[in-house]
Amino acid sequence: MSLKFGASREIWDQLLDLIVELKLQLAGISFHVGSGCKDPESFEKALQDAREVFRLAAERGMPELTVLDIGGGFPCEKETFAEIGACVSQKLTRLFPSAAFPALRIIAEPGRFFAANTAHLLTKVYAKAKLPAQEGNGDVCRYYLNDGLYGSFNCIIYDHVTVKPELLEDRHGAVKELPCSIFGPTCDGFDVILEKYLMPELDEGDWLLWRNMGAYTSAAGSKFNGFPKAKNWYYRLASAELPEDQSTTASDEERSR
């Protein structure tokens, strides 16, 4: 799994022998392919490794393993999640057929998928600087928001998330896009949300919407430099307002300051 967790192939035999010696009961195997995984083929080696451990356990006459935990880290985008789910399902059918493993219980941990879609983040541009471009012609803009890497956007550092802002106001007609950098509110030069990003020019007081910010965001945020965490606003949509593919009990949380 990582340097912190898991067991490398070199010590599988040793661990299984120790389990037999201590007369412990091994329930099953768990793995995690990594947070935000968008490549379904990442599961191939992990499932093959798990299948090999099942074989090694059977060789030792250990009781049948009954649990396979394929971990979490699934993406929040529904289309990508569905693609990965279908691919993983095919691999499970091939490597762990129900006829050969009738008692096997397969579980997953799709916490990110469920949490990310429940919250969107609203940020306000509280300062702006427009400067001549150092490379080429034209201008570049610097925008300073009321949330940053030390708050909700810590997911960029810790979770390797790619974020994309949306304008709340529709800019009708052809709008020129300018390169910009977007910063958080702290005094730390490290507090950079986006660099060399193209978007229509903003003004102080404009709001930006960041979708799918419900997982690994404010939970790991801080009050560095005295800036408070994002305020939570809760909304429950009536069933008539929900898209067809959503449950009538779904709710949407928007975060703003």
C-alpha atoms as a PDB file:
ATOM      1  CA  MET A   1       0.000   0.000   0.000  1.00  0.00           C
ATOM      2  CA  SER A   2       2.758   2.476   0.927  1.00  0.00           C
ATOM      3  CA  LEU A   3       5.820   2.909   3.115  1.00  0.00           C
ATOM      4  CA  LYS A   4       3.453   3.423   6.046  1.00  0.00           C
ATOM      5  CA  PHE A   5       1.084   0.494   5.537  1.00  0.00           C
ATOM      6  CA  GLY A   6       0.951  -2.852   3.806  1.00  0.00           C
ATOM      7  CA  ALA A   7       3.201  -5.853   3.245  1.00  0.00           C
ATOM      8  CA  SER A   8       5.585  -6.317   0.339  1.00  0.00           C
ATOM      9  CA  ARG A   9       5.673  -9.561  -1.617  1.00  0.00           C
ATOM     10  CA  GLU A  10       8.985 -10.502   0.012  1.00  0.00           C
ATOM     11  CA  ILE A  11       7.387 -11.009   3.441  1.00  0.00           C
ATOM     12  CA  TRP A  12       4.073 -12.657   2.487  1.00  0.00           C
ATOM     13  CA  ASP A  13       5.340 -16.149   3.228  1.00  0.00           C
ATOM     14  CA  GLN A  14       6.858 -15.054   6.529  1.00  0.00           C
ATOM     15  CA  LEU A  15       3.636 -13.394   7.667  1.00  0.00           C
ATOM     16  CA  LEU A  16       1.458 -16.332   6.690  1.00  0.00           C
ATOM     17  CA  ASP A  17       3.779 -18.762   8.458  1.00  0.00           C
ATOM     18  CA  LEU A  18       3.626 -16.602  11.580  1.00  0.00           C
ATOM     19  CA  ILE A  19      -0.185 -16.584  11.451  1.00  0.00           C
ATOM     20  CA  VAL A  20      -0.180 -20.387  11.302  1.00  0.00           C
ATOM     21  CA  GLU A  21       2.359 -20.618  14.133  1.00  0.00           C
ATOM     22  CA  LEU A  22       0.346 -18.327  16.408  1.00  0.00           C
ATOM     23  CA  LYS A  23      -2.910 -20.059  15.431  1.00  0.00           C
ATOM     24  CA  LEU A  24      -4.493 -16.824  14.323  1.00  0.00           C
ATOM     25  CA  GLN A  25      -7.336 -16.604  11.821  1.00  0.00           C
ATOM     26  CA  LEU A  26      -6.736 -14.492   8.738  1.00  0.00           C
ATOM     27  CA  ALA A  27     -10.056 -13.025   7.594  1.00  0.00           C
ATOM     28  CA  GLY A  28      -8.930 -11.720   4.232  1.00  0.00           C
ATOM     29  CA  ILE A  29      -6.894  -9.236   2.231  1.00  0.00           C
ATOM     30  CA  SER A  30      -7.100  -5.438   1.952  1.00  0.00           C
ATOM     31  CA  PHE A  31      -5.347  -3.106  -0.489  1.00  0.00           C
ATOM     32  CA  HIS A  32      -5.498   0.516  -1.634  1.00  0.00           C
ATOM     33  CA  VAL A  33      -4.332   1.581  -5.094  1.00  0.00           C
ATOM     34  CA  GLY A  34      -3.994   5.259  -4.152  1.00  0.00           C
ATOM     35  CA  SER A  35      -6.201   8.289  -3.636  1.00  0.00           C
ATOM     36  CA  GLY A  36      -7.936   9.774  -6.650  1.00  0.00           C
ATOM     37  CA  CYS A  37      -7.073   6.854  -8.901  1.00  0.00           C
ATOM     38  CA  LYS A  38      -8.506   7.330 -12.397  1.00  0.00           C
ATOM     39  CA  ASP A  39      -6.799   4.410 -14.136  1.00  0.00           C
ATOM     40  CA  PRO A  40      -8.829   1.192 -13.766  1.00  0.00           C
ATOM     41  CA  GLU A  41      -5.780  -0.843 -14.767  1.00  0.00           C
ATOM     42  CA  SER A  42      -4.187   0.131 -11.444  1.00  0.00           C
ATOM     43  CA  PHE A  43      -6.426  -2.519  -9.898  1.00  0.00           C
ATOM     44  CA  GLU A  44      -5.052  -5.314 -12.084  1.00  0.00           C
ATOM     45  CA  LYS A  45      -1.786  -5.882 -10.223  1.00  0.00           C
ATOM     46  CA  ALA A  46      -3.416  -5.289  -6.825  1.00  0.00           C
ATOM     47  CA  LEU A  47      -6.073  -7.935  -7.515  1.00  0.00           C
ATOM     48  CA  GLN A  48      -3.489 -10.359  -8.914  1.00  0.00           C
ATOM     49  CA  ASP A  49      -1.424  -9.889  -5.747  1.00  0.00           C
ATOM     50  CA  ALA A  50      -4.482 -10.497  -3.592  1.00  0.00           C
ATOM     51  CA  ARG A  51      -5.283 -13.653  -5.565  1.00  0.00           C
ATOM     52  CA  GLU A  52      -1.734 -14.902  -4.971  1.00  0.00           C
ATOM     53  CA  VAL A  53      -2.051 -14.383  -1.196  1.00  0.00           C
ATOM     54  CA  PHE A  54      -5.310 -16.355  -1.257  1.00  0.00           C
ATOM     55  CA  ARG A  55      -3.417 -19.179  -3.005  1.00  0.00           C
ATOM     56  CA  LEU A  56      -0.548 -19.098  -0.509  1.00  0.00           C
ATOM     57  CA  ALA A  57      -2.992 -19.234   2.395  1.00  0.00           C
ATOM     58  CA  ALA A  58      -4.770 -22.244   0.879  1.00  0.00           C
ATOM     59  CA  GLU A  59      -1.426 -24.005   0.360  1.00  0.00           C
ATOM     60  CA  ARG A  60      -0.839 -23.818   4.108  1.00  0.00           C
ATOM     61  CA  GLY A  61      -4.210 -25.330   4.877  1.00  0.00           C
ATOM     62  CA  MET A  62      -5.479 -22.117   6.448  1.00  0.00           C
ATOM     63  CA  PRO A  63      -9.245 -21.600   6.803  1.00  0.00           C
ATOM     64  CA  GLU A  64     -10.842 -20.141   3.691  1.00  0.00           C
ATOM     65  CA  LEU A  65     -10.390 -16.361   3.443  1.00  0.00           C
ATOM     66  CA  THR A  66     -13.758 -14.649   3.356  1.00  0.00           C
ATOM     67  CA  VAL A  67     -13.009 -10.923   2.885  1.00  0.00           C
ATOM     68  CA  LEU A  68     -11.479  -8.948   0.012  1.00  0.00           C
ATOM     69  CA  ASP A  69     -11.331  -5.184   0.603  1.00  0.00           C
ATOM     70  CA  ILE A  70     -10.434  -3.351  -2.623  1.00  0.00           C
ATOM     71  CA  GLY A  71      -9.929  -0.059  -0.786  1.00  0.00           C
ATOM     72  CA  GLY A  72     -10.957   3.466  -1.694  1.00  0.00           C
ATOM     73  CA  GLY A  73      -9.569   6.512  -3.467  1.00  0.00           C
ATOM     74  CA  PHE A  74     -12.211   6.335  -6.190  1.00  0.00           C
ATOM     75  CA  PRO A  75     -12.697   9.599  -8.136  1.00  0.00           C
ATOM     76  CA  CYS A  76     -15.696  11.819  -7.534  1.00  0.00           C
ATOM     77  CA  GLU A  77     -16.622  12.227 -11.211  1.00  0.00           C
ATOM     78  CA  LYS A  78     -19.593   9.963 -11.898  1.00  0.00           C
ATOM     79  CA  GLU A  79     -18.506   9.018 -15.416  1.00  0.00           C
ATOM     80  CA  THR A  80     -14.991   8.039 -14.324  1.00  0.00           C
ATOM     81  CA  PHE A  81     -16.331   6.209 -11.283  1.00  0.00           C
ATOM     82  CA  ALA A  82     -18.710   4.201 -13.470  1.00  0.00           C
ATOM     83  CA  GLU A  83     -15.904   3.339 -15.912  1.00  0.00           C
ATOM     84  CA  ILE A  84     -13.617   2.160 -13.104  1.00  0.00           C
ATOM     85  CA  GLY A  85     -16.452   0.241 -11.447  1.00  0.00           C
ATOM     86  CA  ALA A  86     -17.265  -1.684 -14.615  1.00  0.00           C
ATOM     87  CA  CYS A  87     -13.599  -2.514 -15.247  1.00  0.00           C
ATOM     88  CA  VAL A  88     -12.961  -3.628 -11.651  1.00  0.00           C
ATOM     89  CA  SER A  89     -16.103  -5.759 -11.732  1.00  0.00           C
ATOM     90  CA  GLN A  90     -14.793  -7.624 -14.791  1.00  0.00           C
ATOM     91  CA  LYS A  91     -11.433  -8.192 -13.119  1.00  0.00           C
ATOM     92  CA  LEU A  92     -13.086  -9.512  -9.957  1.00  0.00           C
ATOM     93  CA  THR A  93     -15.195 -11.931 -12.004  1.00  0.00           C
ATOM     94  CA  ARG A  94     -12.060 -13.221 -13.722  1.00  0.00           C
ATOM     95  CA  LEU A  95      -9.743 -13.456 -10.707  1.00  0.00           C
ATOM     96  CA  PHE A  96     -12.273 -14.251  -7.967  1.00  0.00           C
ATOM     97  CA  PRO A  97     -15.143 -16.169  -9.635  1.00  0.00           C
ATOM     98  CA  SER A  98     -18.028 -16.882  -7.293  1.00  0.00           C
ATOM     99  CA  ALA A  99     -17.857 -20.609  -8.092  1.00  0.00           C
ATOM    100  CA  ALA A 100     -14.319 -20.800  -6.705  1.00  0.00           C
ATOM    101  CA  PHE A 101     -14.928 -18.372  -3.819  1.00  0.00           C
ATOM    102  CA  PRO A 102     -18.553 -18.926  -2.721  1.00  0.00           C
ATOM    103  CA  ALA A 103     -18.036 -17.465   0.764  1.00  0.00           C
ATOM    104  CA  LEU A 104     -16.051 -14.410  -0.319  1.00  0.00           C
ATOM    105  CA  ARG A 105     -17.394 -11.003   0.680  1.00  0.00           C
ATOM    106  CA  ILE A 106     -16.021  -8.180  -1.469  1.00  0.00           C
ATOM    107  CA  ILE A 107     -16.119  -4.683   0.013  1.00  0.00           C
ATOM    108  CA  ALA A 108     -14.919  -1.241  -1.107  1.00  0.00           C
ATOM    109  CA  GLU A 109     -14.477   2.162   0.511  1.00  0.00           C
ATOM    110  CA  PRO A 110     -15.865   4.802  -1.892  1.00  0.00           C
ATOM    111  CA  GLY A 111     -15.999   7.561   0.736  1.00  0.00           C
ATOM    112  CA  ARG A 112     -14.530  10.225  -1.545  1.00  0.00           C
ATOM    113  CA  PHE A 113     -17.099   9.526  -4.255  1.00  0.00           C
ATOM    114  CA  PHE A 114     -19.991  10.062  -1.844  1.00  0.00           C
ATOM    115  CA  ALA A 115     -18.495  12.980   0.094  1.00  0.00           C
ATOM    116  CA  ALA A 116     -17.010  15.084  -2.704  1.00  0.00           C
ATOM    117  CA  ASN A 117     -20.304  15.641  -4.523  1.00  0.00           C
ATOM    118  CA  THR A 118     -22.115  16.842  -1.407  1.00  0.00           C
ATOM    119  CA  ALA A 119     -20.331  20.194  -1.165  1.00  0.00           C
ATOM    120  CA  HIS A 120     -19.280  23.052  -3.394  1.00  0.00           C
ATOM    121  CA  LEU A 121     -17.073  25.940  -2.340  1.00  0.00           C
ATOM    122  CA  LEU A 122     -17.706  29.640  -2.935  1.00  0.00           C
ATOM    123  CA  THR A 123     -14.770  32.038  -2.686  1.00  0.00           C
ATOM    124  CA  LYS A 124     -14.646  35.811  -3.004  1.00  0.00           C
ATOM    125  CA  VAL A 125     -11.996  37.867  -4.768  1.00  0.00           C
ATOM    126  CA  TYR A 126     -11.028  40.418  -2.120  1.00  0.00           C
ATOM    127  CA  ALA A 127      -7.955  41.864  -3.899  1.00  0.00           C
ATOM    128  CA  LYS A 128      -6.597  42.074  -7.422  1.00  0.00           C
ATOM    129  CA  ALA A 129      -3.397  43.193  -9.126  1.00  0.00           C
ATOM    130  CA  LYS A 130      -2.977  43.655 -12.884  1.00  0.00           C
ATOM    131  CA  LEU A 131       0.624  43.666 -14.061  1.00  0.00           C
ATOM    132  CA  PRO A 132       2.544  43.638 -17.349  1.00  0.00           C
ATOM    133  CA  ALA A 133       3.460  40.111 -18.388  1.00  0.00           C
ATOM    134  CA  GLN A 134       7.096  39.200 -17.762  1.00  0.00           C
ATOM    135  CA  GLU A 135       7.060  36.927 -20.798  1.00  0.00           C
ATOM    136  CA  GLY A 136       5.458  38.124 -24.033  1.00  0.00           C
ATOM    137  CA  ASN A 137       2.943  40.927 -24.421  1.00  0.00           C
ATOM    138  CA  GLY A 138      -0.208  41.818 -22.552  1.00  0.00           C
ATOM    139  CA  ASP A 139      -1.108  41.715 -18.888  1.00  0.00           C
ATOM    140  CA  VAL A 140      -1.393  39.102 -16.177  1.00  0.00           C
ATOM    141  CA  CYS A 141      -3.677  39.215 -13.173  1.00  0.00           C
ATOM    142  CA  ARG A 142      -3.205  38.199  -9.583  1.00  0.00           C
ATOM    143  CA  TYR A 143      -6.317  37.379  -7.600  1.00  0.00           C
ATOM    144  CA  TYR A 144      -6.430  36.943  -3.831  1.00  0.00           C
ATOM    145  CA  LEU A 145      -9.246  34.844  -2.382  1.00  0.00           C
ATOM    146  CA  ASN A 146     -10.623  34.385   1.118  1.00  0.00           C
ATOM    147  CA  ASP A 147      -9.685  30.675   1.158  1.00  0.00           C
ATOM    148  CA  GLY A 148      -6.476  28.926   0.205  1.00  0.00           C
ATOM    149  CA  LEU A 149      -4.036  26.057   0.728  1.00  0.00           C
ATOM    150  CA  TYR A 150      -4.203  26.393   4.501  1.00  0.00           C
ATOM    151  CA  GLY A 151      -7.977  26.108   4.361  1.00  0.00           C
ATOM    152  CA  SER A 152     -10.222  24.193   1.979  1.00  0.00           C
ATOM    153  CA  PHE A 153      -7.610  23.946  -0.790  1.00  0.00           C
ATOM    154  CA  ASN A 154      -5.203  21.830   1.254  1.00  0.00           C
ATOM    155  CA  CYS A 155      -6.541  19.021  -0.978  1.00  0.00           C
ATOM    156  CA  ILE A 156      -4.220  20.310  -3.725  1.00  0.00           C
ATOM    157  CA  ILE A 157      -1.185  19.450  -1.601  1.00  0.00           C
ATOM    158  CA  TYR A 158      -2.296  16.434   0.393  1.00  0.00           C
ATOM    159  CA  ASP A 159      -4.673  14.836  -2.093  1.00  0.00           C
ATOM    160  CA  HIS A 160      -3.209  15.949  -5.452  1.00  0.00           C
ATOM    161  CA  VAL A 161      -6.573  17.307  -6.599  1.00  0.00           C
ATOM    162  CA  THR A 162      -6.908  19.454  -9.729  1.00  0.00           C
ATOM    163  CA  VAL A 163      -9.347  22.294  -9.066  1.00  0.00           C
ATOM    164  CA  LYS A 164     -11.236  24.383 -11.604  1.00  0.00           C
ATOM    165  CA  PRO A 165     -13.057  27.659 -10.855  1.00  0.00           C
ATOM    166  CA  GLU A 166     -16.361  28.690 -12.398  1.00  0.00           C
ATOM    167  CA  LEU A 167     -17.732  32.205 -12.687  1.00  0.00           C
ATOM    168  CA  LEU A 168     -21.056  32.782 -10.996  1.00  0.00           C
ATOM    169  CA  GLU A 169     -22.025  35.500 -13.471  1.00  0.00           C
ATOM    170  CA  ASP A 170     -22.475  34.659 -17.144  1.00  0.00           C
ATOM    171  CA  ARG A 171     -20.167  36.860 -19.226  1.00  0.00           C
ATOM    172  CA  HIS A 172     -22.213  37.277 -22.384  1.00  0.00           C
ATOM    173  CA  GLY A 173     -20.462  37.555 -25.721  1.00  0.00           C
ATOM    174  CA  ALA A 174     -16.791  37.062 -26.513  1.00  0.00           C
ATOM    175  CA  VAL A 175     -14.807  37.669 -23.343  1.00  0.00           C
ATOM    176  CA  LYS A 176     -11.039  37.952 -23.519  1.00  0.00           C
ATOM    177  CA  GLU A 177      -9.225  35.542 -21.250  1.00  0.00           C
ATOM    178  CA  LEU A 178      -6.145  36.661 -19.381  1.00  0.00           C
ATOM    179  CA  PRO A 179      -3.459  34.536 -17.732  1.00  0.00           C
ATOM    180  CA  CYS A 180      -3.672  34.755 -13.974  1.00  0.00           C
ATOM    181  CA  SER A 181      -2.462  33.370 -10.679  1.00  0.00           C
ATOM    182  CA  ILE A 182      -4.904  32.734  -7.848  1.00  0.00           C
ATOM    183  CA  PHE A 183      -3.675  32.992  -4.266  1.00  0.00           C
ATOM    184  CA  GLY A 184      -5.047  32.245  -0.845  1.00  0.00           C
ATOM    185  CA  PRO A 185      -5.311  34.942   1.845  1.00  0.00           C
ATOM    186  CA  THR A 186      -2.262  34.121   3.978  1.00  0.00           C
ATOM    187  CA  CYS A 187       1.152  35.810   3.995  1.00  0.00           C
ATOM    188  CA  ASP A 188       2.845  32.598   2.815  1.00  0.00           C
ATOM    189  CA  GLY A 189       4.084  32.684  -0.783  1.00  0.00           C
ATOM    190  CA  PHE A 190       3.387  28.964  -0.896  1.00  0.00           C
ATOM    191  CA  ASP A 191      -0.360  29.698  -0.685  1.00  0.00           C
ATOM    192  CA  VAL A 192      -0.992  29.368  -4.446  1.00  0.00           C
ATOM    193  CA  ILE A 193      -4.177  27.764  -5.746  1.00  0.00           C
ATOM    194  CA  LEU A 194      -3.578  28.114  -9.500  1.00  0.00           C
ATOM    195  CA  GLU A 195      -0.790  29.502 -11.680  1.00  0.00           C
ATOM    196  CA  LYS A 196      -0.759  30.515 -15.349  1.00  0.00           C
ATOM    197  CA  TYR A 197      -4.489  29.873 -15.552  1.00  0.00           C
ATOM    198  CA  LEU A 198      -6.582  31.390 -18.373  1.00  0.00           C
ATOM    199  CA  MET A 199      -9.954  32.882 -17.472  1.00  0.00           C
ATOM    200  CA  PRO A 200     -11.996  36.062 -18.035  1.00  0.00           C
ATOM    201  CA  GLU A 201     -10.756  39.048 -16.058  1.00  0.00           C
ATOM    202  CA  LEU A 202     -12.253  39.294 -12.581  1.00  0.00           C
ATOM    203  CA  ASP A 203     -12.913  42.260 -10.338  1.00  0.00           C
ATOM    204  CA  GLU A 204     -12.747  42.679  -6.606  1.00  0.00           C
ATOM    205  CA  GLY A 205     -15.959  41.347  -5.093  1.00  0.00           C
ATOM    206  CA  ASP A 206     -16.484  38.643  -7.740  1.00  0.00           C
ATOM    207  CA  TRP A 207     -17.321  35.127  -6.579  1.00  0.00           C
ATOM    208  CA  LEU A 208     -15.873  31.847  -7.846  1.00  0.00           C
ATOM    209  CA  LEU A 209     -17.528  28.456  -7.588  1.00  0.00           C
ATOM    210  CA  TRP A 210     -15.442  25.308  -7.035  1.00  0.00           C
ATOM    211  CA  ARG A 211     -17.417  22.095  -7.449  1.00  0.00           C
ATOM    212  CA  ASN A 212     -17.076  18.762  -5.641  1.00  0.00           C
ATOM    213  CA  MET A 213     -15.187  20.070  -2.623  1.00  0.00           C
ATOM    214  CA  GLY A 214     -16.764  17.822   0.011  1.00  0.00           C
ATOM    215  CA  ALA A 215     -13.867  15.382   0.496  1.00  0.00           C
ATOM    216  CA  TYR A 216     -10.537  16.103   2.188  1.00  0.00           C
ATOM    217  CA  THR A 217     -10.973  19.883   2.170  1.00  0.00           C
ATOM    218  CA  SER A 218     -12.104  21.771   5.287  1.00  0.00           C
ATOM    219  CA  ALA A 219     -11.627  18.612   7.380  1.00  0.00           C
ATOM    220  CA  ALA A 220      -7.862  19.112   7.144  1.00  0.00           C
ATOM    221  CA  GLY A 221      -7.968  22.918   7.022  1.00  0.00           C
ATOM    222  CA  SER A 222      -6.461  25.231   9.626  1.00  0.00           C
ATOM    223  CA  LYS A 223      -6.779  28.809  10.920  1.00  0.00           C
ATOM    224  CA  PHE A 224      -3.247  29.733   9.922  1.00  0.00           C
ATOM    225  CA  ASN A 225      -2.580  33.485  10.010  1.00  0.00           C
ATOM    226  CA  GLY A 226      -5.871  33.914  11.866  1.00  0.00           C
ATOM    227  CA  PHE A 227      -8.116  33.240   8.880  1.00  0.00           C
ATOM    228  CA  PRO A 228     -11.210  31.225   9.842  1.00  0.00           C
ATOM    229  CA  LYS A 229     -12.325  28.108   8.041  1.00  0.00           C
ATOM    230  CA  ALA A 230     -15.053  28.337   5.420  1.00  0.00           C
ATOM    231  CA  LYS A 231     -18.559  28.803   6.755  1.00  0.00           C
ATOM    232  CA  ASN A 232     -21.021  25.983   6.069  1.00  0.00           C
ATOM    233  CA  TRP A 233     -24.414  26.586   4.481  1.00  0.00           C
ATOM    234  CA  TYR A 234     -26.787  23.634   4.123  1.00  0.00           C
ATOM    235  CA  TYR A 235     -29.484  23.297   1.463  1.00  0.00           C
ATOM    236  CA  ARG A 236     -31.997  20.542   0.842  1.00  0.00           C
ATOM    237  CA  LEU A 237     -33.468  20.349  -2.625  1.00  0.00           C
ATOM    238  CA  ALA A 238     -37.094  19.466  -3.193  1.00  0.00           C
ATOM    239  CA  SER A 239     -37.623  16.279  -5.188  1.00  0.00           C
ATOM    240  CA  ALA A 240     -38.951  18.255  -8.152  1.00  0.00           C
ATOM    241  CA  GLU A 241     -35.634  20.144  -8.379  1.00  0.00           C
ATOM    242  CA  LEU A 242     -33.394  17.081  -8.355  1.00  0.00           C
ATOM    243  CA  PRO A 243     -31.867  15.659 -11.554  1.00  0.00           C
ATOM    244  CA  GLU A 244     -33.318  12.306 -12.560  1.00  0.00           C
ATOM    245  CA  ASP A 245     -30.186  10.391 -11.541  1.00  0.00           C
ATOM    246  CA  GLN A 246     -30.209  11.657  -7.940  1.00  0.00           C
ATOM    247  CA  SER A 247     -32.062  10.409  -4.900  1.00  0.00           C
ATOM    248  CA  THR A 248     -34.987  12.454  -3.625  1.00  0.00           C
ATOM    249  CA  THR A 249     -33.249  12.622  -0.258  1.00  0.00           C
ATOM    250  CA  ALA A 250     -30.027  14.106  -1.631  1.00  0.00           C
ATOM    251  CA  SER A 251     -28.837  17.427  -0.244  1.00  0.00           C
ATOM    252  CA  ASP A 252     -26.377  19.969  -1.527  1.00  0.00           C
ATOM    253  CA  GLU A 253     -24.024  21.850   0.752  1.00  0.00           C
ATOM    254  CA  GLU A 254     -22.385  25.063  -0.413  1.00  0.00           C
ATOM    255  CA  ARG A 255     -19.517  26.583   1.497  1.00  0.00           C
ATOM    256  CA  SER A 256     -18.760  30.264   1.466  1.00  0.00           C
ATOM    257  CA  ARG A 257     -17.455  33.094   3.541  1.00  0.00           C
END
